[in-house]
């Protein structure tokens, strides 16, 4: 379910990447438990967008990278609108966090003029 949602988020102008919805320290206990129970590790996409049902309301949490050329507030609003449209007509709450702001075309290391 999260792969189509990830694609919807990546289609928003100014989004450069999608990061795991929860920080590493929040994911470690579940990872440890899955290793101990010898279950397969969760897929990368499963951790990227956190979708939960809370009393009939869908809550979506996502962390994104934003291009430094884009207006960050507009990108965040665009991501939230895309999430709500993806789940329409359901009642949806979207939490969008910007994890990184980076140039759209980063300069490769070592290629800067001295």
PDB file of N, CA and C in Angstrom:
ATOM      1  N   UNK A   1       0.822  -1.199   0.000  1.00  0.00           N
ATOM      2  CA  UNK A   1       0.000   0.000   0.000  1.00  0.00           C
ATOM      3  C   UNK A   1       0.860   1.255   0.000  1.00  0.00           C
ATOM      4  N   UNK A   2       2.029   1.227   0.600  1.00  0.00           N
ATOM      5  CA  UNK A   2       2.811   2.454   0.698  1.00  0.00           C
ATOM      6  C   UNK A   2       3.523   2.811  -0.591  1.00  0.00           C
ATOM      7  N   UNK A   3       3.804   1.856  -1.481  1.00  0.00           N
ATOM      8  CA  UNK A   3       4.502   2.193  -2.717  1.00  0.00           C
ATOM      9  C   UNK A   3       3.697   3.161  -3.575  1.00  0.00           C
ATOM     10  N   UNK A   4       2.401   2.929  -3.824  1.00  0.00           N
ATOM     11  CA  UNK A   4       1.641   3.935  -4.568  1.00  0.00           C
ATOM     12  C   UNK A   4       1.608   5.280  -3.841  1.00  0.00           C
ATOM     13  N   UNK A   5       1.500   5.252  -2.517  1.00  0.00           N
ATOM     14  CA  UNK A   5       1.475   6.498  -1.759  1.00  0.00           C
ATOM     15  C   UNK A   5       2.822   7.211  -1.859  1.00  0.00           C
ATOM     16  N   UNK A   6       3.906   6.454  -1.815  1.00  0.00           N
ATOM     17  CA  UNK A   6       5.234   7.053  -1.990  1.00  0.00           C
ATOM     18  C   UNK A   6       5.323   7.726  -3.360  1.00  0.00           C
ATOM     19  N   UNK A   7       4.803   7.074  -4.378  1.00  0.00           N
ATOM     20  CA  UNK A   7       4.825   7.646  -5.725  1.00  0.00           C
ATOM     21  C   UNK A   7       4.013   8.933  -5.797  1.00  0.00           C
ATOM     22  N   UNK A   8       2.882   8.971  -5.096  1.00  0.00           N
ATOM     23  CA  UNK A   8       2.054  10.180  -5.038  1.00  0.00           C
ATOM     24  C   UNK A   8       2.846  11.315  -4.395  1.00  0.00           C
ATOM     25  N   UNK A   9       3.557  11.011  -3.325  1.00  0.00           N
ATOM     26  CA  UNK A   9       4.340  12.023  -2.612  1.00  0.00           C
ATOM     27  C   UNK A   9       5.504  12.500  -3.474  1.00  0.00           C
ATOM     28  N   UNK A  10       6.194  11.579  -4.115  1.00  0.00           N
ATOM     29  CA  UNK A  10       7.333  11.947  -4.965  1.00  0.00           C
ATOM     30  C   UNK A  10       6.902  12.790  -6.167  1.00  0.00           C
ATOM     31  N   UNK A  11       5.641  12.692  -6.570  1.00  0.00           N
ATOM     32  CA  UNK A  11       5.142  13.459  -7.708  1.00  0.00           C
ATOM     33  C   UNK A  11       4.898  14.930  -7.368  1.00  0.00           C
ATOM     34  N   UNK A  12       4.914  15.272  -6.084  1.00  0.00           N
ATOM     35  CA  UNK A  12       4.702  16.665  -5.674  1.00  0.00           C
ATOM     36  C   UNK A  12       5.940  17.469  -6.051  1.00  0.00           C
ATOM     37  N   UNK A  13       5.731  18.568  -6.744  1.00  0.00           N
ATOM     38  CA  UNK A  13       6.829  19.422  -7.183  1.00  0.00           C
ATOM     39  C   UNK A  13       7.626  19.913  -5.974  1.00  0.00           C
ATOM     40  N   UNK A  14       8.929  19.695  -5.994  1.00  0.00           N
ATOM     41  CA  UNK A  14       9.809  20.135  -4.908  1.00  0.00           C
ATOM     42  C   UNK A  14      10.247  19.028  -3.972  1.00  0.00           C
ATOM     43  N   UNK A  15       9.569  17.870  -4.008  1.00  0.00           N
ATOM     44  CA  UNK A  15       9.963  16.735  -3.168  1.00  0.00           C
ATOM     45  C   UNK A  15      11.120  16.024  -3.861  1.00  0.00           C
ATOM     46  N   UNK A  16      12.218  15.830  -3.125  1.00  0.00           N
ATOM     47  CA  UNK A  16      13.393  15.177  -3.697  1.00  0.00           C
ATOM     48  C   UNK A  16      13.545  13.733  -3.240  1.00  0.00           C
ATOM     49  N   UNK A  17      13.007  13.398  -2.064  1.00  0.00           N
ATOM     50  CA  UNK A  17      13.106  12.031  -1.550  1.00  0.00           C
ATOM     51  C   UNK A  17      12.126  11.836  -0.404  1.00  0.00           C
ATOM     52  N   UNK A  18      11.871  10.576  -0.084  1.00  0.00           N
ATOM     53  CA  UNK A  18      11.021  10.226   1.050  1.00  0.00           C
ATOM     54  C   UNK A  18      11.873   9.420   2.008  1.00  0.00           C
ATOM     55  N   UNK A  19      11.899   9.844   3.266  1.00  0.00           N
ATOM     56  CA  UNK A  19      12.677   9.181   4.309  1.00  0.00           C
ATOM     57  C   UNK A  19      11.753   8.314   5.152  1.00  0.00           C
ATOM     58  N   UNK A  20      12.301   7.349   5.894  1.00  0.00           N
ATOM     59  CA  UNK A  20      11.460   6.562   6.806  1.00  0.00           C
ATOM     60  C   UNK A  20      10.660   7.483   7.728  1.00  0.00           C
ATOM     61  N   UNK A  21       9.385   7.154   7.910  1.00  0.00           N
ATOM     62  CA  UNK A  21       8.481   8.001   8.688  1.00  0.00           C
ATOM     63  C   UNK A  21       8.933   8.156  10.132  1.00  0.00           C
ATOM     64  N   UNK A  22       9.551   7.118  10.663  1.00  0.00           N
ATOM     65  CA  UNK A  22      10.028   7.178  12.044  1.00  0.00           C
ATOM     66  C   UNK A  22      11.545   7.157  12.048  1.00  0.00           C
ATOM     67  N   UNK A  23      12.134   7.848  13.026  1.00  0.00           N
ATOM     68  CA  UNK A  23      13.588   7.873  13.171  1.00  0.00           C
ATOM     69  C   UNK A  23      14.116   6.480  13.489  1.00  0.00           C
ATOM     70  N   UNK A  24      15.397   6.286  13.259  1.00  0.00           N
ATOM     71  CA  UNK A  24      16.021   4.982  13.481  1.00  0.00           C
ATOM     72  C   UNK A  24      15.785   4.468  14.896  1.00  0.00           C
ATOM     73  N   UNK A  25      15.941   5.313  15.897  1.00  0.00           N
ATOM     74  CA  UNK A  25      15.784   4.844  17.286  1.00  0.00           C
ATOM     75  C   UNK A  25      14.359   4.391  17.556  1.00  0.00           C
ATOM     76  N   UNK A  26      13.377   4.897  16.804  1.00  0.00           N
ATOM     77  CA  UNK A  26      11.999   4.463  16.972  1.00  0.00           C
ATOM     78  C   UNK A  26      11.751   3.129  16.265  1.00  0.00           C
ATOM     79  N   UNK A  27      12.550   2.829  15.227  1.00  0.00           N
ATOM     80  CA  UNK A  27      12.376   1.594  14.464  1.00  0.00           C
ATOM     81  C   UNK A  27      13.163   0.421  15.028  1.00  0.00           C
ATOM     82  N   UNK A  28      14.166   0.685  15.843  1.00  0.00           N
ATOM     83  CA  UNK A  28      15.049  -0.384  16.325  1.00  0.00           C
ATOM     84  C   UNK A  28      14.343  -1.496  17.103  1.00  0.00           C
ATOM     85  N   UNK A  29      13.442  -1.199  18.055  1.00  0.00           N
ATOM     86  CA  UNK A  29      12.803  -2.299  18.788  1.00  0.00           C
ATOM     87  C   UNK A  29      12.055  -3.268  17.871  1.00  0.00           C
ATOM     88  N   UNK A  30      11.324  -2.762  16.886  1.00  0.00           N
ATOM     89  CA  UNK A  30      10.588  -3.649  15.967  1.00  0.00           C
ATOM     90  C   UNK A  30      11.551  -4.462  15.113  1.00  0.00           C
ATOM     91  N   UNK A  31      12.637  -3.844  14.695  1.00  0.00           N
ATOM     92  CA  UNK A  31      13.638  -4.579  13.897  1.00  0.00           C
ATOM     93  C   UNK A  31      14.245  -5.707  14.720  1.00  0.00           C
ATOM     94  N   UNK A  32      14.592  -5.402  15.971  1.00  0.00           N
ATOM     95  CA  UNK A  32      15.187  -6.416  16.836  1.00  0.00           C
ATOM     96  C   UNK A  32      14.214  -7.576  17.055  1.00  0.00           C
ATOM     97  N   UNK A  33      12.959  -7.252  17.280  1.00  0.00           N
ATOM     98  CA  UNK A  33      11.956  -8.299  17.499  1.00  0.00           C
ATOM     99  C   UNK A  33      11.791  -9.170  16.252  1.00  0.00           C
ATOM    100  N   UNK A  34      11.806  -8.574  15.068  1.00  0.00           N
ATOM    101  CA  UNK A  34      11.639  -9.371  13.848  1.00  0.00           C
ATOM    102  C   UNK A  34      12.835 -10.282  13.615  1.00  0.00           C
ATOM    103  N   UNK A  35      14.021  -9.830  13.993  1.00  0.00           N
ATOM    104  CA  UNK A  35      15.209 -10.674  13.856  1.00  0.00           C
ATOM    105  C   UNK A  35      15.139 -11.844  14.839  1.00  0.00           C
ATOM    106  N   UNK A  36      14.739 -11.551  16.075  1.00  0.00           N
ATOM    107  CA  UNK A  36      14.646 -12.599  17.086  1.00  0.00           C
ATOM    108  C   UNK A  36      13.581 -13.630  16.741  1.00  0.00           C
ATOM    109  N   UNK A  37      12.512 -13.205  16.095  1.00  0.00           N
ATOM    110  CA  UNK A  37      11.435 -14.121  15.726  1.00  0.00           C
ATOM    111  C   UNK A  37      11.698 -14.759  14.367  1.00  0.00           C
ATOM    112  N   UNK A  38      12.844 -14.432  13.776  1.00  0.00           N
ATOM    113  CA  UNK A  38      13.272 -14.973  12.483  1.00  0.00           C
ATOM    114  C   UNK A  38      12.285 -14.688  11.362  1.00  0.00           C
ATOM    115  N   UNK A  39      11.573 -13.591  11.504  1.00  0.00           N
ATOM    116  CA  UNK A  39      10.702 -13.176  10.407  1.00  0.00           C
ATOM    117  C   UNK A  39      11.559 -12.345   9.474  1.00  0.00           C
ATOM    118  N   UNK A  40      11.104 -12.211   8.249  1.00  0.00           N
ATOM    119  CA  UNK A  40      11.830 -11.371   7.310  1.00  0.00           C
ATOM    120  C   UNK A  40      11.810  -9.926   7.790  1.00  0.00           C
ATOM    121  N   UNK A  41      12.843  -9.178   7.446  1.00  0.00           N
ATOM    122  CA  UNK A  41      12.847  -7.776   7.818  1.00  0.00           C
ATOM    123  C   UNK A  41      11.806  -7.043   6.995  1.00  0.00           C
ATOM    124  N   UNK A  42      11.285  -5.956   7.565  1.00  0.00           N
ATOM    125  CA  UNK A  42      10.263  -5.207   6.847  1.00  0.00           C
ATOM    126  C   UNK A  42      10.865  -4.579   5.599  1.00  0.00           C
ATOM    127  N   UNK A  43      10.046  -4.434   4.588  1.00  0.00           N
ATOM    128  CA  UNK A  43      10.531  -3.822   3.370  1.00  0.00           C
ATOM    129  C   UNK A  43      10.779  -2.354   3.601  1.00  0.00           C
ATOM    130  N   UNK A  44      11.641  -1.786   2.773  1.00  0.00           N
ATOM    131  CA  UNK A  44      11.976  -0.371   2.913  1.00  0.00           C
ATOM    132  C   UNK A  44      10.741   0.503   2.767  1.00  0.00           C
ATOM    133  N   UNK A  45       9.878   0.193   1.789  1.00  0.00           N
ATOM    134  CA  UNK A  45       8.685   1.002   1.574  1.00  0.00           C
ATOM    135  C   UNK A  45       7.739   0.956   2.761  1.00  0.00           C
ATOM    136  N   UNK A  46       7.677  -0.172   3.473  1.00  0.00           N
ATOM    137  CA  UNK A  46       6.768  -0.283   4.601  1.00  0.00           C
ATOM    138  C   UNK A  46       7.098   0.739   5.678  1.00  0.00           C
ATOM    139  N   UNK A  47       8.340   1.127   5.791  1.00  0.00           N
ATOM    140  CA  UNK A  47       8.750   2.074   6.827  1.00  0.00           C
ATOM    141  C   UNK A  47       8.717   3.515   6.342  1.00  0.00           C
ATOM    142  N   UNK A  48       8.569   3.735   5.044  1.00  0.00           N
ATOM    143  CA  UNK A  48       8.650   5.099   4.523  1.00  0.00           C
ATOM    144  C   UNK A  48       7.442   5.948   4.874  1.00  0.00           C
ATOM    145  N   UNK A  49       6.262   5.415   4.740  1.00  0.00           N
ATOM    146  CA  UNK A  49       5.044   6.165   5.018  1.00  0.00           C
ATOM    147  C   UNK A  49       4.275   5.411   6.084  1.00  0.00           C
ATOM    148  N   UNK A  50       4.006   6.067   7.193  1.00  0.00           N
ATOM    149  CA  UNK A  50       3.291   5.436   8.305  1.00  0.00           C
ATOM    150  C   UNK A  50       1.806   5.777   8.163  1.00  0.00           C
ATOM    151  N   UNK A  51       0.980   4.761   7.962  1.00  0.00           N
ATOM    152  CA  UNK A  51      -0.462   4.952   7.813  1.00  0.00           C
ATOM    153  C   UNK A  51      -1.150   4.184   8.933  1.00  0.00           C
ATOM    154  N   UNK A  52      -1.946   4.896   9.728  1.00  0.00           N
ATOM    155  CA  UNK A  52      -2.643   4.263  10.850  1.00  0.00           C
ATOM    156  C   UNK A  52      -4.109   4.676  10.856  1.00  0.00           C
ATOM    157  N   UNK A  53      -4.952   3.765  11.330  1.00  0.00           N
ATOM    158  CA  UNK A  53      -6.374   4.068  11.486  1.00  0.00           C
ATOM    159  C   UNK A  53      -6.623   4.340  12.960  1.00  0.00           C
ATOM    160  N   UNK A  54      -7.097   5.539  13.261  1.00  0.00           N
ATOM    161  CA  UNK A  54      -7.388   5.928  14.647  1.00  0.00           C
ATOM    162  C   UNK A  54      -8.854   6.336  14.748  1.00  0.00           C
ATOM    163  N   UNK A  55      -9.667   5.464  15.290  1.00  0.00           N
ATOM    164  CA  UNK A  55     -11.089   5.748  15.489  1.00  0.00           C
ATOM    165  C   UNK A  55     -11.770   6.227  14.216  1.00  0.00           C
ATOM    166  N   UNK A  56     -11.514   5.551  13.110  1.00  0.00           N
ATOM    167  CA  UNK A  56     -12.158   5.883  11.853  1.00  0.00           C
ATOM    168  C   UNK A  56     -11.480   6.993  11.068  1.00  0.00           C
ATOM    169  N   UNK A  57     -10.441   7.557  11.601  1.00  0.00           N
ATOM    170  CA  UNK A  57      -9.694   8.608  10.909  1.00  0.00           C
ATOM    171  C   UNK A  57      -8.343   8.040  10.497  1.00  0.00           C
ATOM    172  N   UNK A  58      -7.945   8.273   9.272  1.00  0.00           N
ATOM    173  CA  UNK A  58      -6.650   7.802   8.784  1.00  0.00           C
ATOM    174  C   UNK A  58      -5.605   8.858   9.114  1.00  0.00           C
ATOM    175  N   UNK A  59      -4.531   8.424   9.780  1.00  0.00           N
ATOM    176  CA  UNK A  59      -3.422   9.317  10.102  1.00  0.00           C
ATOM    177  C   UNK A  59      -2.197   8.872   9.316  1.00  0.00           C
ATOM    178  N   UNK A  60      -1.630   9.798   8.559  1.00  0.00           N
ATOM    179  CA  UNK A  60      -0.483   9.507   7.714  1.00  0.00           C
ATOM    180  C   UNK A  60       0.677  10.371   8.175  1.00  0.00           C
ATOM    181  N   UNK A  61       1.839   9.741   8.363  1.00  0.00           N
ATOM    182  CA  UNK A  61       3.048  10.459   8.753  1.00  0.00           C
ATOM    183  C   UNK A  61       4.116  10.175   7.713  1.00  0.00           C
ATOM    184  N   UNK A  62       4.767  11.242   7.249  1.00  0.00           N
ATOM    185  CA  UNK A  62       5.810  11.108   6.239  1.00  0.00           C
ATOM    186  C   UNK A  62       6.883  12.157   6.486  1.00  0.00           C
ATOM    187  N   UNK A  63       8.124  11.782   6.163  1.00  0.00           N
ATOM    188  CA  UNK A  63       9.265  12.710   6.219  1.00  0.00           C
ATOM    189  C   UNK A  63       9.828  12.823   4.815  1.00  0.00           C
ATOM    190  N   UNK A  64      10.015  14.053   4.350  1.00  0.00           N
ATOM    191  CA  UNK A  64      10.450  14.262   2.967  1.00  0.00           C
ATOM    192  C   UNK A  64      11.696  15.139   2.897  1.00  0.00           C
ATOM    193  N   UNK A  65      12.364  15.032   1.754  1.00  0.00           N
ATOM    194  CA  UNK A  65      13.423  15.958   1.393  1.00  0.00           C
ATOM    195  C   UNK A  65      12.829  16.959   0.423  1.00  0.00           C
ATOM    196  N   UNK A  66      13.277  18.211   0.535  1.00  0.00           N
ATOM    197  CA  UNK A  66      12.745  19.287  -0.296  1.00  0.00           C
ATOM    198  C   UNK A  66      13.899  19.958  -1.034  1.00  0.00           C
ATOM    199  N   UNK A  67      13.663  20.292  -2.283  1.00  0.00           N
ATOM    200  CA  UNK A  67      14.661  21.008  -3.076  1.00  0.00           C
ATOM    201  C   UNK A  67      14.847  22.416  -2.514  1.00  0.00           C
ATOM    202  N   UNK A  68      16.089  22.877  -2.468  1.00  0.00           N
ATOM    203  CA  UNK A  68      16.348  24.227  -1.963  1.00  0.00           C
ATOM    204  C   UNK A  68      15.786  25.288  -2.905  1.00  0.00           C
ATOM    205  N   UNK A  69      15.466  24.900  -4.127  1.00  0.00           N
ATOM    206  CA  UNK A  69      14.865  25.829  -5.088  1.00  0.00           C
ATOM    207  C   UNK A  69      13.372  26.007  -4.857  1.00  0.00           C
ATOM    208  N   UNK A  70      12.763  25.132  -4.093  1.00  0.00           N
ATOM    209  CA  UNK A  70      11.310  25.164  -3.873  1.00  0.00           C
ATOM    210  C   UNK A  70      10.987  25.932  -2.591  1.00  0.00           C
ATOM    211  N   UNK A  71       9.765  26.431  -2.527  1.00  0.00           N
ATOM    212  CA  UNK A  71       9.285  27.052  -1.287  1.00  0.00           C
ATOM    213  C   UNK A  71       8.801  25.933  -0.373  1.00  0.00           C
ATOM    214  N   UNK A  72       9.512  25.733   0.711  1.00  0.00           N
ATOM    215  CA  UNK A  72       9.242  24.600   1.608  1.00  0.00           C
ATOM    216  C   UNK A  72       7.794  24.564   2.098  1.00  0.00           C
ATOM    217  N   UNK A  73       7.217  25.688   2.562  1.00  0.00           N
ATOM    218  CA  UNK A  73       5.818  25.608   3.017  1.00  0.00           C
ATOM    219  C   UNK A  73       4.860  25.155   1.913  1.00  0.00           C
ATOM    220  N   UNK A  74       5.117  25.582   0.671  1.00  0.00           N
ATOM    221  CA  UNK A  74       4.260  25.162  -0.442  1.00  0.00           C
ATOM    222  C   UNK A  74       4.398  23.665  -0.695  1.00  0.00           C
ATOM    223  N   UNK A  75       5.621  23.151  -0.582  1.00  0.00           N
ATOM    224  CA  UNK A  75       5.847  21.716  -0.796  1.00  0.00           C
ATOM    225  C   UNK A  75       5.133  20.909   0.288  1.00  0.00           C
ATOM    226  N   UNK A  76       5.241  21.345   1.532  1.00  0.00           N
ATOM    227  CA  UNK A  76       4.589  20.635   2.642  1.00  0.00           C
ATOM    228  C   UNK A  76       3.075  20.634   2.445  1.00  0.00           C
ATOM    229  N   UNK A  77       2.512  21.777   2.085  1.00  0.00           N
ATOM    230  CA  UNK A  77       1.071  21.834   1.824  1.00  0.00           C
ATOM    231  C   UNK A  77       0.696  20.940   0.641  1.00  0.00           C
ATOM    232  N   UNK A  78       1.539  20.908  -0.388  1.00  0.00           N
ATOM    233  CA  UNK A  78       1.285  20.061  -1.548  1.00  0.00           C
ATOM    234  C   UNK A  78       1.300  18.585  -1.199  1.00  0.00           C
ATOM    235  N   UNK A  79       2.243  18.178  -0.358  1.00  0.00           N
ATOM    236  CA  UNK A  79       2.310  16.775   0.071  1.00  0.00           C
ATOM    237  C   UNK A  79       1.059  16.412   0.868  1.00  0.00           C
ATOM    238  N   UNK A  80       0.664  17.280   1.805  1.00  0.00           N
ATOM    239  CA  UNK A  80      -0.538  17.010   2.607  1.00  0.00           C
ATOM    240  C   UNK A  80      -1.774  16.911   1.711  1.00  0.00           C
ATOM    241  N   UNK A  81      -1.890  17.802   0.725  1.00  0.00           N
ATOM    242  CA  UNK A  81      -3.036  17.767  -0.189  1.00  0.00           C
ATOM    243  C   UNK A  81      -3.021  16.494  -1.036  1.00  0.00           C
ATOM    244  N   UNK A  82      -1.848  16.076  -1.497  1.00  0.00           N
ATOM    245  CA  UNK A  82      -1.741  14.855  -2.297  1.00  0.00           C
ATOM    246  C   UNK A  82      -2.130  13.623  -1.483  1.00  0.00           C
ATOM    247  N   UNK A  83      -1.743  13.600  -0.220  1.00  0.00           N
ATOM    248  CA  UNK A  83      -2.105  12.486   0.665  1.00  0.00           C
ATOM    249  C   UNK A  83      -3.617  12.450   0.865  1.00  0.00           C
ATOM    250  N   UNK A  84      -4.217  13.612   1.152  1.00  0.00           N
ATOM    251  CA  UNK A  84      -5.671  13.653   1.357  1.00  0.00           C
ATOM    252  C   UNK A  84      -6.412  13.217   0.092  1.00  0.00           C
ATOM    253  N   UNK A  85      -5.931  13.653  -1.075  1.00  0.00           N
ATOM    254  CA  UNK A  85      -6.562  13.279  -2.344  1.00  0.00           C
ATOM    255  C   UNK A  85      -6.432  11.768  -2.582  1.00  0.00           C
ATOM    256  N   UNK A  86      -5.272  11.207  -2.230  1.00  0.00           N
ATOM    257  CA  UNK A  86      -5.028   9.766  -2.414  1.00  0.00           C
ATOM    258  C   UNK A  86      -6.026   8.928  -1.609  1.00  0.00           C
ATOM    259  N   UNK A  87      -6.369   9.387  -0.406  1.00  0.00           N
ATOM    260  CA  UNK A  87      -7.266   8.628   0.462  1.00  0.00           C
ATOM    261  C   UNK A  87      -8.722   9.091   0.389  1.00  0.00           C
ATOM    262  N   UNK A  88      -9.025  10.081  -0.448  1.00  0.00           N
ATOM    263  CA  UNK A  88     -10.385  10.612  -0.541  1.00  0.00           C
ATOM    264  C   UNK A  88     -11.367   9.484  -0.834  1.00  0.00           C
ATOM    265  N   UNK A  89     -12.531   9.512  -0.265  1.00  0.00           N
ATOM    266  CA  UNK A  89     -13.165  10.532   0.557  1.00  0.00           C
ATOM    267  C   UNK A  89     -12.963  10.334   2.060  1.00  0.00           C
ATOM    268  N   UNK A  90     -12.015   9.510   2.462  1.00  0.00           N
ATOM    269  CA  UNK A  90     -11.787   9.227   3.887  1.00  0.00           C
ATOM    270  C   UNK A  90     -11.351  10.493   4.635  1.00  0.00           C
ATOM    271  N   UNK A  91     -11.604  10.487   5.938  1.00  0.00           N
ATOM    272  CA  UNK A  91     -11.158  11.564   6.821  1.00  0.00           C
ATOM    273  C   UNK A  91      -9.682  11.323   7.109  1.00  0.00           C
ATOM    274  N   UNK A  92      -8.799  12.215   6.634  1.00  0.00           N
ATOM    275  CA  UNK A  92      -7.355  11.993   6.707  1.00  0.00           C
ATOM    276  C   UNK A  92      -6.652  13.148   7.400  1.00  0.00           C
ATOM    277  N   UNK A  93      -5.731  12.797   8.267  1.00  0.00           N
ATOM    278  CA  UNK A  93      -4.837  13.756   8.900  1.00  0.00           C
ATOM    279  C   UNK A  93      -3.427  13.438   8.426  1.00  0.00           C
ATOM    280  N   UNK A  94      -2.719  14.451   7.897  1.00  0.00           N
ATOM    281  CA  UNK A  94      -1.371  14.228   7.381  1.00  0.00           C
ATOM    282  C   UNK A  94      -0.360  15.015   8.198  1.00  0.00           C
ATOM    283  N   UNK A  95       0.683  14.333   8.642  1.00  0.00           N
ATOM    284  CA  UNK A  95       1.801  14.978   9.310  1.00  0.00           C
ATOM    285  C   UNK A  95       2.989  14.881   8.372  1.00  0.00           C
ATOM    286  N   UNK A  96       3.461  16.030   7.903  1.00  0.00           N
ATOM    287  CA  UNK A  96       4.560  16.082   6.953  1.00  0.00           C
ATOM    288  C   UNK A  96       5.722  16.807   7.613  1.00  0.00           C
ATOM    289  N   UNK A  97       6.859  16.129   7.690  1.00  0.00           N
ATOM    290  CA  UNK A  97       8.064  16.698   8.274  1.00  0.00           C
ATOM    291  C   UNK A  97       9.132  16.803   7.198  1.00  0.00           C
ATOM    292  N   UNK A  98       9.820  17.932   7.178  1.00  0.00           N
ATOM    293  CA  UNK A  98      10.924  18.096   6.243  1.00  0.00           C
ATOM    294  C   UNK A  98      12.191  17.624   6.941  1.00  0.00           C
ATOM    295  N   UNK A  99      12.802  16.575   6.401  1.00  0.00           N
ATOM    296  CA  UNK A  99      14.004  15.996   6.992  1.00  0.00           C
ATOM    297  C   UNK A  99      15.277  16.576   6.386  1.00  0.00           C
ATOM    298  N   UNK A 100      15.172  17.086   5.152  1.00  0.00           N
ATOM    299  CA  UNK A 100      16.365  17.623   4.501  1.00  0.00           C
ATOM    300  C   UNK A 100      15.956  18.638   3.438  1.00  0.00           C
ATOM    301  N   UNK A 101      16.712  19.726   3.364  1.00  0.00           N
ATOM    302  CA  UNK A 101      16.575  20.686   2.274  1.00  0.00           C
ATOM    303  C   UNK A 101      17.917  20.684   1.568  1.00  0.00           C
ATOM    304  N   UNK A 102      17.900  20.313   0.296  1.00  0.00           N
ATOM    305  CA  UNK A 102      19.152  20.170  -0.453  1.00  0.00           C
ATOM    306  C   UNK A 102      18.987  20.764  -1.838  1.00  0.00           C
ATOM    307  N   UNK A 103      20.093  21.148  -2.455  1.00  0.00           N
ATOM    308  CA  UNK A 103      20.010  21.666  -3.829  1.00  0.00           C
ATOM    309  C   UNK A 103      19.385  20.630  -4.756  1.00  0.00           C
ATOM    310  N   UNK A 104      18.681  21.123  -5.745  1.00  0.00           N
ATOM    311  CA  UNK A 104      18.029  20.218  -6.701  1.00  0.00           C
ATOM    312  C   UNK A 104      19.082  19.402  -7.447  1.00  0.00           C
ATOM    313  N   UNK A 105      20.186  20.025  -7.809  1.00  0.00           N
ATOM    314  CA  UNK A 105      21.278  19.341  -8.506  1.00  0.00           C
ATOM    315  C   UNK A 105      22.553  19.502  -7.683  1.00  0.00           C
ATOM    316  N   UNK A 106      22.758  18.625  -6.688  1.00  0.00           N
ATOM    317  CA  UNK A 106      23.949  18.768  -5.857  1.00  0.00           C
ATOM    318  C   UNK A 106      25.230  18.623  -6.667  1.00  0.00           C
ATOM    319  N   UNK A 107      26.239  19.381  -6.272  1.00  0.00           N
ATOM    320  CA  UNK A 107      27.538  19.321  -6.927  1.00  0.00           C
ATOM    321  C   UNK A 107      28.297  18.114  -6.386  1.00  0.00           C
ATOM    322  N   UNK A 108      28.766  17.203  -7.251  1.00  0.00           N
ATOM    323  CA  UNK A 108      29.523  16.027  -6.775  1.00  0.00           C
ATOM    324  C   UNK A 108      30.767  16.457  -6.000  1.00  0.00           C
ATOM    325  N   UNK A 109      31.088  15.711  -4.962  1.00  0.00           N
ATOM    326  CA  UNK A 109      32.264  16.008  -4.140  1.00  0.00           C
ATOM    327  C   UNK A 109      33.525  15.996  -5.013  1.00  0.00           C
ATOM    328  N   UNK A 110      34.390  16.955  -4.778  1.00  0.00           N
ATOM    329  CA  UNK A 110      35.662  17.013  -5.477  1.00  0.00           C
ATOM    330  C   UNK A 110      35.588  17.712  -6.830  1.00  0.00           C
ATOM    331  N   UNK A 111      34.404  18.162  -7.241  1.00  0.00           N
ATOM    332  CA  UNK A 111      34.302  18.797  -8.549  1.00  0.00           C
ATOM    333  C   UNK A 111      34.244  20.320  -8.465  1.00  0.00           C
ATOM    334  N   UNK A 112      34.379  20.867  -7.271  1.00  0.00           N
ATOM    335  CA  UNK A 112      34.362  22.314  -7.111  1.00  0.00           C
ATOM    336  C   UNK A 112      35.713  22.888  -7.522  1.00  0.00           C
ATOM    337  N   UNK A 113      35.666  24.062  -8.119  1.00  0.00           N
ATOM    338  CA  UNK A 113      36.915  24.730  -8.488  1.00  0.00           C
ATOM    339  C   UNK A 113      37.608  25.262  -7.251  1.00  0.00           C
ATOM    340  N   UNK A 114      38.923  25.147  -7.207  1.00  0.00           N
ATOM    341  CA  UNK A 114      39.664  25.580  -6.025  1.00  0.00           C
ATOM    342  C   UNK A 114      40.054  27.031  -6.123  1.00  0.00           C
TER     343      UNK A 114
END
